[in-house]
Amino acid sequence: MSGKERRGKRMDRNKTLSTRIPTLGYYLIVTDTQETEKNYFEGLRNIIPENLKDRLVIKVEKARTVDLVARCKDLVSKDPQYRIPWIVLDRDQVEGFDSIIENAERNDISVGWSNPCIEIWFFAYFGIMPSYIDSVTCCEKFKDKYEAVTGGKYEKSNNEIYNKLNQYGNENKALEVAERKHNTHLNNGRVKPSEMCPNTTIYKLVGEIKSKINQKNIDSI
C-alpha cells in the first residue's frame, strides 16, 4: 500500500472520529436560586478534569424567575463563547411556569426544570421519583430519605450536595429514572411542564455534560 493511500485512509479515520466524538461547548447555566441549584451545579463543575475545564464552562448566575430568560440572553450577548445556554428553575409556586419555559425555547435556550422542585431530581439518585405534588412535602420527604441513606442531615445550603449524592447514590441510575419518568408523562399525553409531576429535565443537562466529559476522557487515553 502506498504512503498516499495510507495517508488517505488515516484522514478518513480522523474524519470519522471527529463526527463521532461530541464537541465540548461553553455552558451558561442561569438559575434563580441562591443555594440548592447553585451548589449542585458548582459541584458538577468541580468534578470536571483539569484538562477539560477550559473547554467547558458552567457559569451560575442568580436572577428572579421571571427574568431568567432575559438575564440569560443578556449574558450570552455580552460573551458569545457561551454557545449552550440553559436556565434552571423549580415549579414550586412560580406563576407563568409554562410560559417561562416556552419563552426560553423560543429563544433557543434549553431549560432544566423540576416539578415540584429540584429535590425530585435528587430522589432519582436513590433510584426513585415519588409522587409529591408540592415542594414543601417533597423537600421534607427528601430530608428523611437523605438522612436514612447518608446518616447526615440535608441542608439546602450544603455545598457538598453533588458529591454526597454521588457518594451515596447512583448518577447513572438517576439519569435512567428521570428519563423513564419523563417519557411516561409524554406517553400519557401530558406535555405541559406544570402538568408533569413529578418530573424534571435536569437529567438532560447533566447527562449531556457527563457524556461529553466521558467521551473526551476515552479519546485522550
Protein backbone atom coordinates (compact mmCIF):
# COMPACT_ATOMS: atom_id res chain seq x y z
CA MET A 1 0.00 0.00 0.00
CA SER A 2 1.40 3.39 -0.97
CA GLY A 3 2.05 6.16 1.53
CA LYS A 4 -0.59 8.24 -0.23
CA GLU A 5 -3.17 5.50 0.26
CA ARG A 6 -2.23 5.13 3.92
CA ARG A 7 -2.50 8.88 4.44
CA GLY A 8 -5.86 8.85 2.72
CA LYS A 9 -7.20 6.13 4.99
CA ARG A 10 -5.84 7.92 8.05
CA MET A 11 -7.63 11.10 7.03
CA ASP A 12 -10.85 9.19 6.56
CA ARG A 13 -10.50 7.65 10.01
CA ASN A 14 -9.85 11.01 11.64
CA LYS A 15 -12.84 12.45 9.86
CA THR A 16 -14.98 9.62 11.17
CA LEU A 17 -13.74 10.16 14.71
CA SER A 18 -14.43 13.88 14.53
CA THR A 19 -18.07 13.17 13.71
CA ARG A 20 -18.40 10.54 16.41
CA ILE A 21 -16.88 12.36 19.37
CA PRO A 22 -19.07 15.09 20.91
CA THR A 23 -17.52 18.54 20.96
CA LEU A 24 -17.40 20.21 24.34
CA GLY A 25 -19.02 23.60 24.30
CA TYR A 26 -19.22 26.51 26.69
CA TYR A 27 -22.19 26.17 29.00
CA LEU A 28 -24.02 29.00 30.70
CA ILE A 29 -26.44 27.99 33.44
CA VAL A 30 -28.69 30.72 34.83
CA THR A 31 -30.73 29.93 37.93
CA ASP A 32 -32.95 31.90 40.26
CA THR A 33 -31.81 30.20 43.45
CA GLN A 34 -29.21 31.29 45.94
CA GLU A 35 -28.31 27.88 47.30
CA THR A 36 -29.56 24.48 46.15
CA GLU A 37 -29.27 24.58 42.35
CA LYS A 38 -26.18 26.77 42.56
CA ASN A 39 -24.44 24.38 44.95
CA TYR A 40 -25.40 21.34 42.91
CA PHE A 41 -24.09 22.67 39.60
CA GLU A 42 -20.94 24.09 41.13
CA GLY A 43 -20.31 20.60 42.47
CA LEU A 44 -20.75 19.21 38.96
CA ARG A 45 -18.33 21.80 37.61
CA ASN A 46 -15.76 20.91 40.23
CA ILE A 47 -15.50 17.29 39.09
CA ILE A 48 -14.58 18.25 35.53
CA PRO A 49 -10.99 17.11 34.86
CA GLU A 50 -8.45 19.92 34.82
CA ASN A 51 -7.54 19.30 31.18
CA LEU A 52 -11.18 19.88 30.19
CA LYS A 53 -12.13 22.82 32.39
CA ASP A 54 -11.04 25.40 29.84
CA ARG A 55 -13.29 23.73 27.25
CA LEU A 56 -16.43 23.51 29.35
CA VAL A 57 -17.59 26.47 31.39
CA ILE A 58 -20.55 26.34 33.73
CA LYS A 59 -21.46 29.79 34.95
CA VAL A 60 -24.17 30.03 37.56
CA GLU A 61 -25.96 33.37 37.87
CA LYS A 62 -28.77 34.31 40.20
CA ALA A 63 -31.84 36.07 38.81
CA ARG A 64 -35.54 36.39 39.57
CA THR A 65 -37.51 33.57 37.99
CA VAL A 66 -39.46 35.86 35.66
CA ASP A 67 -36.18 37.42 34.49
CA LEU A 68 -34.30 34.20 33.81
CA VAL A 69 -34.67 34.25 30.03
CA ALA A 70 -33.83 37.94 29.70
CA ARG A 71 -30.82 37.55 32.00
CA CYS A 72 -29.60 34.56 30.06
CA LYS A 73 -29.93 36.36 26.71
CA ASP A 74 -28.10 39.36 28.12
CA LEU A 75 -25.18 37.25 29.35
CA VAL A 76 -24.91 35.42 26.03
CA SER A 77 -24.89 38.67 24.07
CA LYS A 78 -22.08 40.02 26.23
CA ASP A 79 -19.98 36.87 25.92
CA PRO A 80 -20.61 34.87 22.70
CA GLN A 81 -18.47 31.98 23.93
CA TYR A 82 -21.50 30.76 25.88
CA ARG A 83 -22.98 28.89 22.96
CA ILE A 84 -25.03 26.46 25.07
CA PRO A 85 -27.30 28.49 27.37
CA TRP A 86 -29.60 26.91 29.93
CA ILE A 87 -31.94 28.19 32.60
CA VAL A 88 -32.75 26.11 35.67
CA LEU A 89 -35.90 26.57 37.73
CA ASP A 90 -38.40 24.84 40.01
CA ARG A 91 -42.17 24.69 39.55
CA ASP A 92 -42.77 25.45 43.23
CA GLN A 93 -45.24 28.38 43.28
CA VAL A 94 -43.90 30.09 40.17
CA GLU A 95 -46.57 31.93 38.19
CA GLY A 96 -46.32 31.52 34.45
CA PHE A 97 -44.11 28.44 34.79
CA ASP A 98 -45.07 27.05 31.37
CA SER A 99 -44.78 30.46 29.74
CA ILE A 100 -41.25 30.97 31.04
CA ILE A 101 -40.20 27.61 29.57
CA GLU A 102 -41.90 28.33 26.25
CA ASN A 103 -40.21 31.75 26.10
CA ALA A 104 -36.82 30.16 26.72
CA GLU A 105 -37.29 27.59 23.99
CA ARG A 106 -38.38 30.27 21.51
CA ASN A 107 -35.08 31.98 22.22
CA ASP A 108 -33.02 28.80 21.76
CA ILE A 109 -32.39 28.46 25.49
CA SER A 110 -32.66 24.98 26.97
CA VAL A 111 -34.49 24.51 30.27
CA GLY A 112 -33.69 22.28 33.21
CA TRP A 113 -36.96 22.44 35.14
CA SER A 114 -38.16 20.42 38.08
CA ASN A 115 -41.73 19.82 39.20
CA PRO A 116 -42.28 20.36 42.06
CA CYS A 117 -38.64 21.14 42.98
CA ILE A 118 -35.04 20.05 42.39
CA GLU A 119 -35.24 17.59 45.27
CA ILE A 120 -37.31 15.35 42.99
CA TRP A 121 -34.16 15.05 40.85
CA PHE A 122 -32.10 14.33 43.95
CA PHE A 123 -34.51 11.50 44.81
CA ALA A 124 -33.59 9.89 41.49
CA TYR A 125 -30.02 9.37 42.73
CA PHE A 126 -31.51 6.92 45.20
CA GLY A 127 -33.42 5.14 42.43
CA ILE A 128 -36.89 6.59 42.96
CA MET A 129 -39.05 9.55 41.94
CA PRO A 130 -42.04 9.60 44.32
CA SER A 131 -45.27 11.43 43.52
CA TYR A 132 -45.12 14.53 45.70
CA ILE A 133 -47.09 17.36 44.16
CA ASP A 134 -45.86 20.27 46.27
CA SER A 135 -42.34 21.43 47.02
CA VAL A 136 -42.75 21.58 50.81
CA THR A 137 -43.73 17.92 51.07
CA CYS A 138 -41.09 16.92 48.52
CA CYS A 139 -38.33 18.69 50.45
CA GLU A 140 -39.41 17.27 53.80
CA LYS A 141 -39.64 13.73 52.46
CA PHE A 142 -36.26 14.07 50.76
CA LYS A 143 -34.73 15.18 54.05
CA ASP A 144 -35.99 11.94 55.59
CA LYS A 145 -34.66 9.86 52.70
CA TYR A 146 -31.31 11.63 52.68
CA GLU A 147 -30.84 11.11 56.41
CA ALA A 148 -31.84 7.44 56.16
CA VAL A 149 -29.34 6.82 53.36
CA THR A 150 -26.41 9.01 54.38
CA GLY A 151 -26.79 9.28 58.14
CA GLY A 152 -26.49 13.06 57.82
CA LYS A 153 -28.93 15.95 57.68
CA TYR A 154 -29.95 17.51 54.39
CA GLU A 155 -29.46 21.26 54.16
CA LYS A 156 -30.22 23.38 51.11
CA SER A 157 -27.04 25.33 51.82
CA ASN A 158 -24.88 22.19 51.65
CA ASN A 159 -22.18 22.93 49.07
CA GLU A 160 -21.23 19.25 49.02
CA ILE A 161 -24.62 18.08 47.80
CA TYR A 162 -23.38 16.92 44.40
CA ASN A 163 -20.59 14.87 45.96
CA LYS A 164 -22.91 13.39 48.59
CA LEU A 165 -25.49 12.33 46.01
CA ASN A 166 -22.81 10.56 44.02
CA GLN A 167 -21.21 9.04 47.10
CA TYR A 168 -24.40 7.51 48.45
CA GLY A 169 -26.47 7.36 45.27
CA ASN A 170 -26.00 6.47 41.63
CA GLU A 171 -25.95 9.14 38.93
CA ASN A 172 -26.38 6.73 36.03
CA LYS A 173 -29.42 5.29 37.77
CA ALA A 174 -30.74 8.81 38.34
CA LEU A 175 -30.49 9.56 34.64
CA GLU A 176 -32.41 6.39 33.80
CA VAL A 177 -35.13 7.03 36.40
CA ALA A 178 -35.66 10.63 35.29
CA GLU A 179 -35.73 9.82 31.59
CA ARG A 180 -38.19 7.00 32.13
CA LYS A 181 -40.49 9.23 34.19
CA HIS A 182 -40.33 12.00 31.60
CA ASN A 183 -41.22 9.62 28.78
CA THR A 184 -44.09 8.18 30.82
CA HIS A 185 -45.65 11.63 31.09
CA LEU A 186 -45.28 12.21 27.36
CA ASN A 187 -46.75 8.81 26.52
CA ASN A 188 -49.72 9.64 28.73
CA GLY A 189 -50.37 12.83 26.78
CA ARG A 190 -49.01 15.29 29.34
CA VAL A 191 -46.92 17.89 27.55
CA LYS A 192 -47.13 20.98 29.78
CA PRO A 193 -44.34 21.01 32.38
CA SER A 194 -46.79 22.24 35.04
CA GLU A 195 -48.87 19.08 34.48
CA MET A 196 -45.90 16.70 34.55
CA CYS A 197 -45.44 15.98 38.24
CA PRO A 198 -43.22 14.52 39.46
CA ASN A 199 -40.74 15.25 36.71
CA THR A 200 -37.50 17.00 35.86
CA THR A 201 -35.46 17.74 32.75
CA ILE A 202 -32.24 18.42 34.64
CA TYR A 203 -31.25 14.90 33.66
CA LYS A 204 -30.86 16.11 30.07
CA LEU A 205 -28.31 18.75 31.05
CA VAL A 206 -26.35 16.53 33.43
CA GLY A 207 -26.40 13.60 31.01
CA GLU A 208 -25.22 15.75 28.13
CA ILE A 209 -22.30 17.21 30.07
CA LYS A 210 -21.23 13.89 31.57
CA SER A 211 -21.38 12.07 28.22
CA LYS A 212 -19.12 14.69 26.66
CA ILE A 213 -16.66 14.56 29.54
CA ASN A 214 -16.55 10.76 29.47
CA GLN A 215 -16.07 10.62 25.70
CA LYS A 216 -13.23 13.12 25.81
CA ASN A 217 -11.56 11.12 28.57
CA ILE A 218 -11.81 7.97 26.46
CA ASP A 219 -10.37 9.79 23.46
CA SER A 220 -7.39 11.05 25.49
CA ILE A 221 -6.36 7.58 26.68
